[in-house]
N, C-alpha and C. Protein backbone atom coordinates (compact mmCIF):
# COMPACT_ATOMS: atom_id res chain seq x y z
N MET A 1 97.80 96.50 93.75
CA MET A 1 98.04 97.76 93.71
C MET A 1 99.38 97.95 92.95
N LEU A 2 99.57 99.13 92.28
CA LEU A 2 100.55 99.36 91.40
C LEU A 2 101.87 99.67 92.36
N ALA A 3 103.01 99.30 92.16
CA ALA A 3 104.16 100.00 92.70
C ALA A 3 105.35 100.41 91.59
N PHE A 4 106.29 101.08 92.11
CA PHE A 4 107.17 101.15 90.56
C PHE A 4 108.74 101.81 91.33
N GLY A 5 109.40 101.62 90.51
CA GLY A 5 110.90 101.86 90.61
C GLY A 5 111.64 100.48 90.99
N LYS A 6 112.89 100.41 90.46
CA LYS A 6 113.62 99.19 90.56
C LYS A 6 113.97 98.82 92.05
N ASN A 7 114.49 99.96 92.89
CA ASN A 7 114.86 99.54 94.10
C ASN A 7 113.52 99.03 94.79
N VAL A 8 112.48 99.67 94.70
CA VAL A 8 111.32 99.07 95.41
C VAL A 8 110.86 97.71 95.12
N LEU A 9 111.27 97.44 93.80
CA LEU A 9 110.73 96.11 93.23
C LEU A 9 111.93 95.19 94.19
N TYR A 10 113.02 95.45 94.22
CA TYR A 10 114.12 94.76 94.91
C TYR A 10 113.80 94.47 96.40
N MET A 11 112.83 95.25 96.76
CA MET A 11 112.68 95.24 98.47
C MET A 11 111.47 94.67 98.63
N THR A 12 110.70 94.40 97.78
CA THR A 12 109.29 93.59 97.61
C THR A 12 109.53 92.01 97.74
N ASN A 13 108.91 91.27 98.67
CA ASN A 13 108.82 89.86 98.53
C ASN A 13 108.45 89.45 97.48
N PRO A 14 108.97 88.53 96.59
CA PRO A 14 108.75 88.30 95.32
C PRO A 14 107.47 87.42 95.34
N LYS A 15 107.20 87.02 96.30
CA LYS A 15 106.09 86.20 96.44
C LYS A 15 104.71 87.04 96.44
N GLN A 16 105.29 88.48 96.65
CA GLN A 16 103.61 89.59 96.79
C GLN A 16 103.70 90.17 95.42
N ILE A 17 104.51 89.83 94.36
CA ILE A 17 104.64 90.54 92.83
C ILE A 17 104.03 89.54 92.01
N GLN A 18 103.21 90.28 91.47
CA GLN A 18 102.44 89.21 90.47
C GLN A 18 102.76 89.86 88.98
N LYS A 19 103.01 90.56 88.70
CA LYS A 19 103.36 91.04 87.14
C LYS A 19 104.58 92.33 87.01
N VAL A 20 105.32 92.30 86.47
CA VAL A 20 106.21 93.47 86.16
C VAL A 20 106.21 93.90 84.75
N TYR A 21 106.26 95.24 84.61
CA TYR A 21 106.16 95.88 83.32
C TYR A 21 107.57 96.67 82.89
N VAL A 22 108.22 96.32 82.13
CA VAL A 22 109.66 96.95 81.82
C VAL A 22 109.60 97.62 80.62
N SER A 23 110.02 98.98 80.60
CA SER A 23 110.56 99.67 79.29
C SER A 23 111.30 98.84 78.21
N LYS A 24 110.81 98.90 77.04
CA LYS A 24 111.58 97.95 75.96
C LYS A 24 112.97 99.14 76.03
N SER A 25 113.03 100.11 76.42
CA SER A 25 114.17 101.04 76.13
C SER A 25 115.39 100.60 77.40
N LYS A 26 115.14 99.91 78.08
CA LYS A 26 115.68 99.70 79.43
C LYS A 26 116.62 98.46 79.41
N LYS A 27 117.75 98.81 79.52
CA LYS A 27 119.09 97.78 79.14
C LYS A 27 119.77 97.50 80.73
N ASP A 28 119.45 96.50 81.29
CA ASP A 28 119.54 96.32 82.74
C ASP A 28 119.63 94.87 83.14
N GLU A 29 121.02 94.41 82.68
CA GLU A 29 121.29 93.08 83.13
C GLU A 29 120.76 92.32 84.51
N GLU A 30 121.00 93.34 85.51
CA GLU A 30 121.09 93.26 86.89
C GLU A 30 119.27 92.85 87.10
N LEU A 31 118.60 93.87 86.70
CA LEU A 31 117.10 93.82 86.48
C LEU A 31 116.52 92.60 86.18
N PHE A 32 116.94 91.86 84.87
CA PHE A 32 116.17 90.76 84.34
C PHE A 32 116.87 89.73 84.91
N ASN A 33 118.05 89.62 85.53
CA ASN A 33 118.42 88.68 86.03
C ASN A 33 117.65 88.30 87.20
N PHE A 34 117.20 89.39 88.13
CA PHE A 34 116.73 89.28 89.20
C PHE A 34 114.98 88.64 88.93
N LEU A 35 114.49 89.35 87.59
CA LEU A 35 113.13 88.83 87.45
C LEU A 35 113.47 87.25 86.96
N LYS A 36 114.33 86.94 86.52
CA LYS A 36 114.29 85.55 86.00
C LYS A 36 114.68 84.42 87.11
N GLU A 37 115.52 85.06 88.17
CA GLU A 37 116.08 84.26 89.41
C GLU A 37 114.79 83.92 90.31
N ASN A 38 113.83 84.96 90.25
CA ASN A 38 112.68 84.80 91.47
C ASN A 38 111.21 84.31 90.64
N HIS A 39 111.66 83.89 89.40
CA HIS A 39 110.73 83.60 88.52
C HIS A 39 109.31 84.16 88.43
N ILE A 40 109.71 85.58 88.41
CA ILE A 40 108.49 86.64 88.23
C ILE A 40 108.35 87.15 86.79
N HIS A 41 107.03 87.11 86.55
CA HIS A 41 106.55 87.09 85.06
C HIS A 41 106.78 88.69 84.75
N TYR A 42 107.15 88.91 83.60
CA TYR A 42 107.56 90.27 83.01
C TYR A 42 107.30 90.52 81.77
N LEU A 43 106.56 91.81 81.22
CA LEU A 43 106.39 92.20 80.03
C LEU A 43 107.13 93.26 79.50
N LEU A 44 107.38 93.52 78.34
CA LEU A 44 108.35 94.70 77.86
C LEU A 44 107.13 95.30 76.94
N VAL A 45 107.28 96.76 77.57
CA VAL A 45 106.22 97.58 76.83
C VAL A 45 107.14 98.86 76.64
N GLU A 46 106.20 99.62 75.65
CA GLU A 46 106.72 100.95 75.42
C GLU A 46 106.77 101.89 76.63
N PRO A 47 107.81 102.69 76.57
CA PRO A 47 107.76 103.75 77.54
C PRO A 47 106.46 104.58 77.90
N ASN A 48 105.66 104.83 76.85
CA ASN A 48 104.61 105.79 76.96
C ASN A 48 103.55 105.01 77.86
N ILE A 49 103.62 103.71 77.77
CA ILE A 49 102.87 102.69 78.38
C ILE A 49 102.64 102.96 79.90
N LEU A 50 104.31 102.69 80.39
CA LEU A 50 104.54 103.02 81.86
C LEU A 50 104.03 104.60 82.26
N ASP A 51 104.17 105.47 81.38
CA ASP A 51 104.18 106.78 81.87
C ASP A 51 102.63 106.87 82.29
N LYS A 52 101.57 106.23 81.20
CA LYS A 52 100.33 106.27 81.48
C LYS A 52 99.66 105.57 82.95
N MET A 53 100.49 104.34 83.36
CA MET A 53 100.19 103.59 84.22
C MET A 53 100.69 104.55 85.55
N CYS A 54 101.74 105.32 85.44
CA CYS A 54 102.43 105.90 86.68
C CYS A 54 102.93 107.13 86.43
N LYS A 55 102.23 108.60 86.89
CA LYS A 55 102.69 109.63 86.70
C LYS A 55 104.01 110.15 87.19
N GLN A 56 104.67 109.18 88.06
CA GLN A 56 106.12 109.60 88.68
C GLN A 56 107.19 108.95 88.11
N ASN A 57 108.39 109.28 88.60
CA ASN A 57 109.61 108.73 88.14
C ASN A 57 109.64 107.09 88.39
N HIS A 58 109.16 106.45 87.29
CA HIS A 58 109.14 104.86 87.61
C HIS A 58 110.40 104.29 87.16
N GLN A 59 111.33 104.93 86.76
CA GLN A 59 112.74 104.56 86.29
C GLN A 59 112.58 103.29 85.21
N GLY A 60 111.42 103.03 84.60
CA GLY A 60 111.25 102.05 83.57
C GLY A 60 110.44 100.94 84.13
N VAL A 61 110.32 101.00 85.42
CA VAL A 61 109.69 99.80 85.91
C VAL A 61 108.30 100.12 86.93
N VAL A 62 107.33 99.32 86.44
CA VAL A 62 106.03 99.21 87.33
C VAL A 62 105.58 98.06 87.57
N PHE A 63 105.00 97.71 88.72
CA PHE A 63 104.74 96.37 88.84
C PHE A 63 103.54 96.30 89.84
N GLU A 64 102.67 95.27 89.39
CA GLU A 64 101.46 94.75 90.32
C GLU A 64 102.06 93.99 91.43
N ARG A 65 101.27 94.56 92.66
CA ARG A 65 101.55 93.41 93.62
C ARG A 65 100.52 93.50 94.44
N ASN A 66 100.54 92.33 95.33
CA ASN A 66 99.17 92.12 96.31
C ASN A 66 98.93 93.29 97.05
N ASP A 67 97.59 93.58 97.36
CA ASP A 67 97.38 94.65 98.11
C ASP A 67 98.03 94.49 99.45
N PHE A 68 98.37 95.84 100.09
CA PHE A 68 99.19 95.95 101.21
C PHE A 68 98.17 95.29 102.40
N GLU A 69 99.20 94.64 103.29
CA GLU A 69 98.47 93.97 104.53
C GLU A 69 98.66 94.63 105.58
N TYR A 70 97.60 95.32 106.13
CA TYR A 70 97.75 96.30 107.63
C TYR A 70 97.44 95.03 108.77
N GLN A 71 98.46 95.46 109.73
CA GLN A 71 98.35 94.52 110.91
C GLN A 71 97.46 95.05 112.40
N ASN A 72 97.38 94.17 113.26
CA ASN A 72 96.30 95.03 114.34
C ASN A 72 97.33 94.97 115.45
N LEU A 73 96.54 95.78 116.22
CA LEU A 73 97.34 96.49 117.53
C LEU A 73 98.11 95.44 118.12
N GLU A 74 97.50 94.40 118.25
CA GLU A 74 97.75 93.35 119.24
C GLU A 74 99.45 92.89 118.68
N SER A 75 99.82 93.03 117.51
CA SER A 75 101.09 92.72 117.15
C SER A 75 102.36 93.54 117.40
N CYS A 76 102.19 94.90 118.02
CA CYS A 76 103.08 95.57 118.56
C CYS A 76 103.37 95.75 120.01
N LEU A 77 102.36 95.03 120.96
CA LEU A 77 102.23 95.25 122.08
C LEU A 77 103.51 94.74 122.93
N GLU A 78 104.27 93.91 122.26
CA GLU A 78 105.44 93.24 123.10
C GLU A 78 106.83 94.01 122.77
N GLU A 79 106.71 95.14 121.99
CA GLU A 79 107.90 95.98 121.28
C GLU A 79 108.09 97.13 122.23
N ASP A 80 109.22 97.65 122.27
CA ASP A 80 109.71 98.69 123.08
C ASP A 80 109.70 100.05 122.54
N PHE A 81 109.27 100.28 121.08
CA PHE A 81 108.96 101.85 120.77
C PHE A 81 108.18 101.61 119.48
N VAL A 82 107.09 102.40 119.37
CA VAL A 82 106.42 102.42 118.38
C VAL A 82 105.81 103.88 118.20
N VAL A 83 105.83 104.26 116.59
CA VAL A 83 105.29 105.34 116.34
C VAL A 83 103.97 105.61 115.93
N LEU A 84 103.02 106.47 116.21
CA LEU A 84 101.75 106.71 115.86
C LEU A 84 101.49 108.01 115.07
N LEU A 85 100.85 107.89 113.92
CA LEU A 85 100.80 109.14 113.34
C LEU A 85 99.25 109.80 113.19
N ASP A 86 99.13 110.89 113.64
CA ASP A 86 97.77 111.36 113.99
C ASP A 86 96.90 112.15 112.72
N HIS A 87 96.62 111.31 111.74
CA HIS A 87 95.86 111.90 110.57
C HIS A 87 96.85 112.70 109.84
N LEU A 88 97.92 112.05 109.60
CA LEU A 88 98.96 112.25 108.34
C LEU A 88 98.47 112.35 107.16
N GLU A 89 98.56 113.42 106.12
CA GLU A 89 97.95 113.45 105.01
C GLU A 89 99.01 113.18 103.72
N ASP A 90 100.35 113.37 103.98
CA ASP A 90 101.13 113.50 102.90
C ASP A 90 101.91 112.15 102.78
N PRO A 91 101.47 111.88 101.61
CA PRO A 91 102.46 110.53 101.34
C PRO A 91 103.94 110.14 101.39
N HIS A 92 104.49 111.42 100.99
CA HIS A 92 106.04 111.43 100.93
C HIS A 92 106.43 111.62 102.81
N ASN A 93 105.50 112.28 103.45
CA ASN A 93 106.10 112.26 104.89
C ASN A 93 105.91 111.25 105.50
N PHE A 94 104.86 110.28 104.95
CA PHE A 94 104.69 108.92 105.47
C PHE A 94 105.51 108.23 105.35
N GLY A 95 106.14 107.94 103.82
CA GLY A 95 106.95 107.16 103.60
C GLY A 95 108.44 107.51 104.10
N ALA A 96 108.66 108.69 104.09
CA ALA A 96 109.86 109.10 104.80
C ALA A 96 110.13 108.63 106.33
N ILE A 97 108.94 108.66 107.06
CA ILE A 97 108.85 108.28 108.50
C ILE A 97 109.02 106.80 108.48
N ILE A 98 108.28 105.82 107.61
CA ILE A 98 108.67 104.72 107.63
C ILE A 98 109.94 104.39 107.43
N ARG A 99 110.66 104.98 106.58
CA ARG A 99 112.14 104.68 106.27
C ARG A 99 113.02 104.82 107.40
N THR A 100 112.59 106.27 108.00
CA THR A 100 113.48 106.33 109.23
C THR A 100 113.29 105.58 110.40
N CYS A 101 112.03 104.78 110.48
CA CYS A 101 111.60 103.93 111.65
C CYS A 101 112.46 102.50 111.22
N GLU A 102 112.32 102.06 109.97
CA GLU A 102 113.14 100.89 109.60
C GLU A 102 114.46 101.04 109.83
N ALA A 103 115.33 102.34 109.60
CA ALA A 103 116.82 102.33 109.82
C ALA A 103 117.08 102.52 111.36
N ALA A 104 115.89 102.79 112.10
CA ALA A 104 116.13 103.07 113.45
C ALA A 104 115.81 101.97 114.23
N GLY A 105 115.31 100.66 113.71
CA GLY A 105 114.88 99.46 114.43
C GLY A 105 113.58 99.53 114.73
N ILE A 106 112.70 100.45 114.63
CA ILE A 106 111.22 100.42 115.00
C ILE A 106 110.47 99.63 113.82
N LYS A 107 109.81 98.83 114.63
CA LYS A 107 109.40 97.47 113.94
C LYS A 107 107.72 97.99 113.22
N SER A 108 107.10 98.98 114.24
CA SER A 108 105.56 99.32 114.01
C SER A 108 105.19 100.46 113.87
N VAL A 109 104.36 101.17 112.84
CA VAL A 109 103.85 102.39 112.70
C VAL A 109 102.16 102.34 112.90
N ILE A 110 101.71 102.89 113.56
CA ILE A 110 100.03 103.06 113.65
C ILE A 110 99.46 104.34 113.18
N ILE A 111 98.48 103.94 112.30
CA ILE A 111 97.79 104.87 111.73
C ILE A 111 96.16 104.63 111.71
N PRO A 112 95.60 105.97 111.63
CA PRO A 112 94.04 105.82 111.90
C PRO A 112 93.50 105.36 110.61
N LYS A 113 92.30 104.45 110.77
CA LYS A 113 91.51 104.10 109.43
C LYS A 113 91.22 105.28 108.70
N ASP A 114 90.37 106.66 109.20
CA ASP A 114 89.73 107.47 108.37
C ASP A 114 90.92 108.63 108.39
N ARG A 115 90.42 109.38 107.54
CA ARG A 115 91.36 110.59 107.25
C ARG A 115 92.64 110.71 107.53
N SER A 116 93.38 109.85 106.49
CA SER A 116 94.69 109.54 106.85
C SER A 116 95.25 109.11 105.70
N VAL A 117 96.30 109.20 105.33
CA VAL A 117 96.90 108.53 104.03
C VAL A 117 97.37 107.23 104.45
N ASP A 118 97.02 106.31 103.30
CA ASP A 118 96.96 104.79 103.19
C ASP A 118 98.52 104.50 102.54
N VAL A 119 98.83 103.23 102.70
CA VAL A 119 100.23 102.84 102.20
C VAL A 119 99.77 102.80 100.47
N THR A 120 100.45 103.65 99.81
CA THR A 120 100.29 103.72 98.32
C THR A 120 101.50 103.49 97.54
N ASP A 121 101.52 103.29 96.25
CA ASP A 121 102.83 103.35 95.61
C ASP A 121 103.75 104.52 95.88
N THR A 122 103.27 105.79 96.21
CA THR A 122 104.21 106.66 96.40
C THR A 122 104.50 106.49 97.76
N VAL A 123 103.92 106.09 98.73
CA VAL A 123 104.46 105.88 100.28
C VAL A 123 105.63 104.58 100.04
N ILE A 124 105.10 103.79 99.20
CA ILE A 124 106.10 102.63 98.99
C ILE A 124 107.56 103.09 98.46
N LYS A 125 107.52 103.90 97.56
CA LYS A 125 108.48 104.56 96.70
C LYS A 125 109.32 105.38 97.71
N THR A 126 108.63 106.19 98.37
CA THR A 126 109.43 107.00 99.11
C THR A 126 110.05 106.42 100.27
N SER A 127 109.46 105.21 100.74
CA SER A 127 110.02 104.62 101.93
C SER A 127 111.43 103.57 101.43
N VAL A 128 111.24 103.78 100.01
CA VAL A 128 112.37 102.68 99.54
C VAL A 128 111.97 101.48 99.79
N GLY A 129 110.93 101.10 99.82
CA GLY A 129 110.53 99.50 99.88
C GLY A 129 110.41 99.19 101.49
N THR A 130 110.87 99.95 102.35
CA THR A 130 110.83 99.32 103.74
C THR A 130 109.41 99.21 104.54
N THR A 131 108.35 99.57 103.42
CA THR A 131 107.23 98.96 104.18
C THR A 131 107.03 97.29 104.28
N GLU A 132 108.11 96.76 103.61
CA GLU A 132 108.35 95.61 103.83
C GLU A 132 108.96 94.87 104.86
N ASN A 133 109.55 95.84 105.94
CA ASN A 133 110.21 95.43 107.06
C ASN A 133 109.39 96.08 108.32
N VAL A 134 108.51 97.26 107.93
CA VAL A 134 107.79 97.74 108.91
C VAL A 134 106.28 97.57 109.00
N LYS A 135 105.82 96.95 110.17
CA LYS A 135 104.53 96.90 110.26
C LYS A 135 103.55 98.09 110.15
N ILE A 136 102.75 98.19 109.46
CA ILE A 136 101.94 99.18 109.31
C ILE A 136 100.48 98.63 109.90
N ILE A 137 99.87 99.35 111.14
CA ILE A 137 98.94 99.16 112.01
C ILE A 137 97.88 100.06 111.82
N LYS A 138 96.73 99.70 111.13
CA LYS A 138 95.58 100.48 110.99
C LYS A 138 94.50 100.46 112.14
N VAL A 139 93.86 101.56 112.80
CA VAL A 139 93.18 101.39 114.04
C VAL A 139 91.89 102.06 113.97
N THR A 140 90.86 101.79 114.19
CA THR A 140 89.61 102.44 114.20
C THR A 140 89.51 103.81 114.95
N ASN A 141 90.09 103.65 116.08
CA ASN A 141 90.00 105.02 116.90
C ASN A 141 91.54 105.12 117.77
N LEU A 142 92.07 106.36 117.35
CA LEU A 142 93.47 106.77 117.98
C LEU A 142 93.43 106.35 119.53
N VAL A 143 92.29 107.16 120.22
CA VAL A 143 92.40 107.31 121.65
C VAL A 143 92.26 105.74 122.42
N ASP A 144 91.47 104.84 121.72
CA ASP A 144 91.12 103.58 122.04
C ASP A 144 92.68 103.06 122.08
N ALA A 145 93.39 103.18 120.83
CA ALA A 145 94.77 102.59 120.65
C ALA A 145 95.80 103.18 121.67
N ILE A 146 95.76 104.46 122.11
CA ILE A 146 96.67 104.77 122.88
C ILE A 146 96.13 104.22 124.18
N LYS A 147 94.99 104.06 124.83
CA LYS A 147 94.70 103.46 126.02
C LYS A 147 95.22 102.05 125.98
N LYS A 148 95.09 101.42 125.01
CA LYS A 148 95.65 100.14 125.16
C LYS A 148 97.00 100.01 125.29
N LEU A 149 97.63 100.79 124.56
CA LEU A 149 99.16 100.82 124.69
C LEU A 149 99.60 101.20 126.23
N GLN A 150 99.02 102.05 126.70
CA GLN A 150 99.19 102.67 128.18
C GLN A 150 98.86 101.30 129.25
N GLN A 151 97.86 100.76 128.85
CA GLN A 151 97.76 99.26 129.70
C GLN A 151 98.69 98.34 129.43
N ASN A 152 99.39 98.40 128.47
CA ASN A 152 100.54 97.34 128.29
C ASN A 152 101.97 98.16 128.45
N ASN A 153 102.01 99.34 129.54
CA ASN A 153 102.89 99.85 130.01
C ASN A 153 103.96 100.47 128.96
N PHE A 154 103.38 101.14 128.03
CA PHE A 154 103.93 102.17 127.29
C PHE A 154 103.52 103.75 127.59
N PHE A 155 104.48 104.34 127.58
CA PHE A 155 104.40 105.49 127.95
C PHE A 155 104.41 106.51 126.91
N VAL A 156 103.11 107.41 126.67
CA VAL A 156 103.05 108.11 125.29
C VAL A 156 103.33 109.40 125.27
N TYR A 157 104.20 109.95 124.31
CA TYR A 157 104.50 111.14 124.08
C TYR A 157 104.07 111.72 123.11
N ALA A 158 103.30 112.97 123.03
CA ALA A 158 103.09 113.60 121.95
C ALA A 158 103.94 114.98 121.50
N SER A 159 104.04 115.01 120.20
CA SER A 159 104.87 116.28 119.89
C SER A 159 104.50 117.37 119.51
N ALA A 160 104.58 118.65 120.11
CA ALA A 160 104.07 120.06 119.83
C ALA A 160 105.02 120.79 120.16
N MET A 161 104.91 122.04 119.66
CA MET A 161 105.78 122.94 119.82
C MET A 161 105.93 123.57 121.37
N ASP A 162 104.67 123.67 121.84
CA ASP A 162 104.73 123.96 123.29
C ASP A 162 105.01 122.94 124.52
N GLY A 163 105.67 121.89 123.80
CA GLY A 163 105.95 120.66 124.73
C GLY A 163 107.21 121.04 125.61
N LYS A 164 107.61 119.99 126.28
CA LYS A 164 108.68 120.14 127.02
C LYS A 164 109.88 119.70 126.09
N ASP A 165 111.07 120.44 126.44
CA ASP A 165 112.25 120.41 125.75
C ASP A 165 112.72 118.95 125.70
N MET A 166 112.95 118.24 124.53
CA MET A 166 113.31 116.71 124.61
C MET A 166 114.59 116.36 125.29
N ASN A 167 115.57 117.88 125.15
CA ASN A 167 116.79 117.51 126.05
C ASN A 167 116.91 117.34 127.15
N GLN A 168 115.70 117.75 127.91
CA GLN A 168 115.62 117.81 129.35
C GLN A 168 114.81 116.78 129.72
N MET A 169 114.74 115.65 129.02
CA MET A 169 113.96 114.48 129.41
C MET A 169 114.74 113.08 129.36
N SER A 170 114.39 112.01 130.15
CA SER A 170 114.80 110.88 129.96
C SER A 170 113.52 109.77 129.54
N PHE A 171 113.62 108.90 128.82
CA PHE A 171 112.86 108.36 128.43
C PHE A 171 112.75 106.65 128.84
N PRO A 172 111.69 106.22 128.90
CA PRO A 172 111.50 104.84 129.45
C PRO A 172 111.79 103.75 128.31
N ASP A 173 111.89 102.84 128.67
CA ASP A 173 112.05 101.54 127.66
C ASP A 173 111.11 101.28 126.74
N LYS A 174 109.71 101.39 127.36
CA LYS A 174 108.47 101.06 126.38
C LYS A 174 107.87 102.60 126.04
N LYS A 175 107.82 103.17 125.00
CA LYS A 175 107.24 104.25 124.51
C LYS A 175 106.79 104.36 123.41
N VAL A 176 105.61 105.19 123.24
CA VAL A 176 105.23 105.50 121.82
C VAL A 176 105.37 107.23 121.59
N LEU A 177 105.83 107.49 120.22
CA LEU A 177 105.91 108.97 119.81
C LEU A 177 104.80 109.02 118.93
N ILE A 178 104.03 110.22 119.19
CA ILE A 178 102.97 110.60 118.26
C ILE A 178 103.39 112.13 117.51
N ILE A 179 103.17 111.87 115.96
CA ILE A 179 103.69 112.89 115.13
C ILE A 179 102.03 113.16 114.54
N GLY A 180 102.09 114.52 114.66
CA GLY A 180 100.56 114.99 114.35
C GLY A 180 100.48 115.43 113.22
N ASN A 181 99.32 115.95 112.39
CA ASN A 181 98.85 116.22 111.00
C ASN A 181 99.84 117.38 110.66
N GLU A 182 100.25 117.61 109.50
CA GLU A 182 101.03 118.50 108.85
C GLU A 182 100.77 119.96 109.21
N GLY A 183 99.57 120.13 108.88
CA GLY A 183 98.68 121.47 109.18
C GLY A 183 98.41 121.81 110.83
N LYS A 184 97.58 121.00 111.31
CA LYS A 184 96.92 121.17 112.38
C LYS A 184 97.79 120.46 113.76
N GLY A 185 98.70 119.58 113.54
CA GLY A 185 99.54 119.12 114.66
C GLY A 185 98.83 117.78 115.09
N VAL A 186 99.26 117.38 116.62
CA VAL A 186 98.42 116.65 117.30
C VAL A 186 96.96 117.12 117.34
N SER A 187 95.82 116.19 117.53
CA SER A 187 94.52 116.59 117.75
C SER A 187 94.40 116.87 119.18
N PRO A 188 93.57 117.94 119.67
CA PRO A 188 93.53 118.08 121.17
C PRO A 188 92.98 116.45 121.83
N ILE A 189 92.16 115.76 121.32
CA ILE A 189 91.93 114.53 122.22
C ILE A 189 92.94 113.63 122.13
N VAL A 190 93.83 113.68 121.23
CA VAL A 190 94.80 112.81 121.30
C VAL A 190 96.11 113.36 122.26
N ARG A 191 96.25 114.66 122.08
CA ARG A 191 97.15 114.97 123.08
C ARG A 191 96.61 115.11 124.60
N LYS A 192 95.40 115.00 124.86
CA LYS A 192 94.63 115.10 126.21
C LYS A 192 95.02 113.89 126.75
N ASN A 193 95.16 112.61 125.75
CA ASN A 193 95.01 111.17 126.23
C ASN A 193 96.73 110.68 126.24
N SER A 194 97.63 111.72 125.86
CA SER A 194 98.91 111.22 126.10
C SER A 194 99.33 111.58 127.15
N ASP A 195 100.61 111.19 127.72
CA ASP A 195 101.23 111.12 128.93
C ASP A 195 102.28 112.34 129.25
N GLU A 196 102.88 112.79 128.22
CA GLU A 196 103.39 114.08 128.17
C GLU A 196 103.56 114.53 126.90
N VAL A 197 103.87 115.84 126.86
CA VAL A 197 104.08 116.60 125.44
C VAL A 197 105.66 117.25 125.28
N ILE A 198 106.09 116.64 124.15
CA ILE A 198 107.53 117.21 124.07
C ILE A 198 107.75 118.14 122.71
N CYS A 199 108.90 118.66 122.56
CA CYS A 199 109.06 119.64 121.47
C CYS A 199 110.62 119.57 121.20
N ILE A 200 110.80 119.87 119.98
CA ILE A 200 112.34 119.79 119.40
C ILE A 200 112.56 121.71 119.76
N PRO A 201 113.68 122.05 120.46
CA PRO A 201 114.05 123.17 120.67
C PRO A 201 114.47 123.76 119.50
N MET A 202 114.10 125.03 119.15
CA MET A 202 114.39 126.00 117.94
C MET A 202 114.90 127.13 118.25
N LYS A 203 116.20 127.68 117.53
CA LYS A 203 116.91 128.85 117.66
C LYS A 203 116.31 129.85 116.61
N GLY A 204 115.98 129.19 115.44
CA GLY A 204 115.74 130.25 114.33
C GLY A 204 114.54 130.59 114.63
N GLU A 205 113.99 131.46 113.27
CA GLU A 205 112.53 132.20 113.19
C GLU A 205 111.43 131.29 112.70
N VAL A 206 111.76 129.80 112.22
CA VAL A 206 111.00 129.21 111.66
C VAL A 206 110.56 128.44 113.21
N ASN A 207 109.19 128.29 113.27
CA ASN A 207 108.72 127.64 114.77
C ASN A 207 108.37 126.43 114.53
N SER A 208 108.71 125.48 113.29
CA SER A 208 107.83 124.23 113.04
C SER A 208 108.68 123.64 112.06
N LEU A 209 108.94 122.21 112.11
CA LEU A 209 109.79 121.45 111.23
C LEU A 209 108.73 120.53 110.41
N ASN A 210 109.08 120.32 109.26
CA ASN A 210 108.29 119.06 108.43
C ASN A 210 108.19 117.99 109.34
N ALA A 211 107.18 117.03 109.16
CA ALA A 211 106.62 115.97 109.90
C ALA A 211 107.69 114.98 110.07
N SER A 212 108.15 114.68 108.91
CA SER A 212 109.42 113.62 108.80
C SER A 212 110.36 114.07 109.31
N VAL A 213 110.84 115.09 109.17
CA VAL A 213 112.12 115.79 109.93
C VAL A 213 112.00 115.65 111.30
N ALA A 214 111.01 116.11 111.75
CA ALA A 214 110.49 116.35 113.32
C ALA A 214 110.53 114.81 113.87
N ALA A 215 109.92 113.92 112.88
CA ALA A 215 110.00 112.32 113.71
C ALA A 215 111.38 111.79 113.61
N GLY A 216 112.08 112.22 112.48
CA GLY A 216 113.38 111.84 112.67
C GLY A 216 114.30 112.20 113.71
N ILE A 217 114.22 113.23 113.97
CA ILE A 217 115.03 114.00 115.22
C ILE A 217 114.51 113.19 116.55
N LEU A 218 113.15 113.25 116.67
CA LEU A 218 112.56 112.71 117.88
C LEU A 218 112.79 111.06 118.08
N ILE A 219 112.63 110.77 117.03
CA ILE A 219 112.97 108.91 117.29
C ILE A 219 114.51 108.73 117.58
N TYR A 220 115.32 109.53 117.01
CA TYR A 220 116.75 109.21 117.55
C TYR A 220 117.09 109.74 118.94
N LYS A 221 116.38 110.61 119.26
CA LYS A 221 116.46 111.27 120.50
C LYS A 221 116.05 110.42 121.44
N MET A 222 114.84 109.87 121.25
CA MET A 222 114.11 108.94 122.06
C MET A 222 114.59 107.55 122.33
N GLY A 223 115.80 107.22 121.62
CA GLY A 223 116.19 105.86 121.74
C GLY A 223 116.24 105.08 120.46
N GLY A 224 115.80 105.41 119.25
CA GLY A 224 115.99 104.65 118.05
C GLY A 224 117.34 104.16 118.26
N LEU A 225 117.32 102.96 117.66
CA LEU A 225 118.59 101.99 117.68
C LEU A 225 119.23 101.58 118.72
N SER A 226 118.61 101.92 120.08
CA SER A 226 118.98 101.60 121.43
C SER A 226 118.69 100.11 121.51
């Protein structure tokens, strides 16, 4: 798969990098030293070649890396805090949530196999490469995954505007936070199988927050970094 950006390159395991394309106009001693020290094959190309390879701000660096490796649900059952995304669609939201999870010490994010954003070059870029440090777990059925987590002593919280005020709650050591789809929120079947529904209290006229912003607030309120 293709990825882009110097910072993302630095945060990627060199063993996962196949080839790097660098703009001929780029003068960056630090970058070239990194490539040489890690024995990474690179090619100098015209800037327009990179523009064709990647439509976003690539900073003069585009690289081929091994396909992203998703993990299974069993890999997170011994953890204390897991985030589950209910059919998120925006790669920028996904990448931002991964970045927040990494900053807060959360090691795993669960996504469904179908009708959901995957780990793409945009997600990797938005996450600033923190996809290297956070396991992305892909499951066939979210409800089955929730039940498995509950069987392993996780208490599952779904986020919704009509939930209980997060400030009026205390949270257990093992918990799951569910963030819903940008437009539809948490699906009824996922909500039904959760243990509790919680919300972020708001005083303004806007009655909802961007998914990644809401995730960040709830993650830290529920015990991120604890």
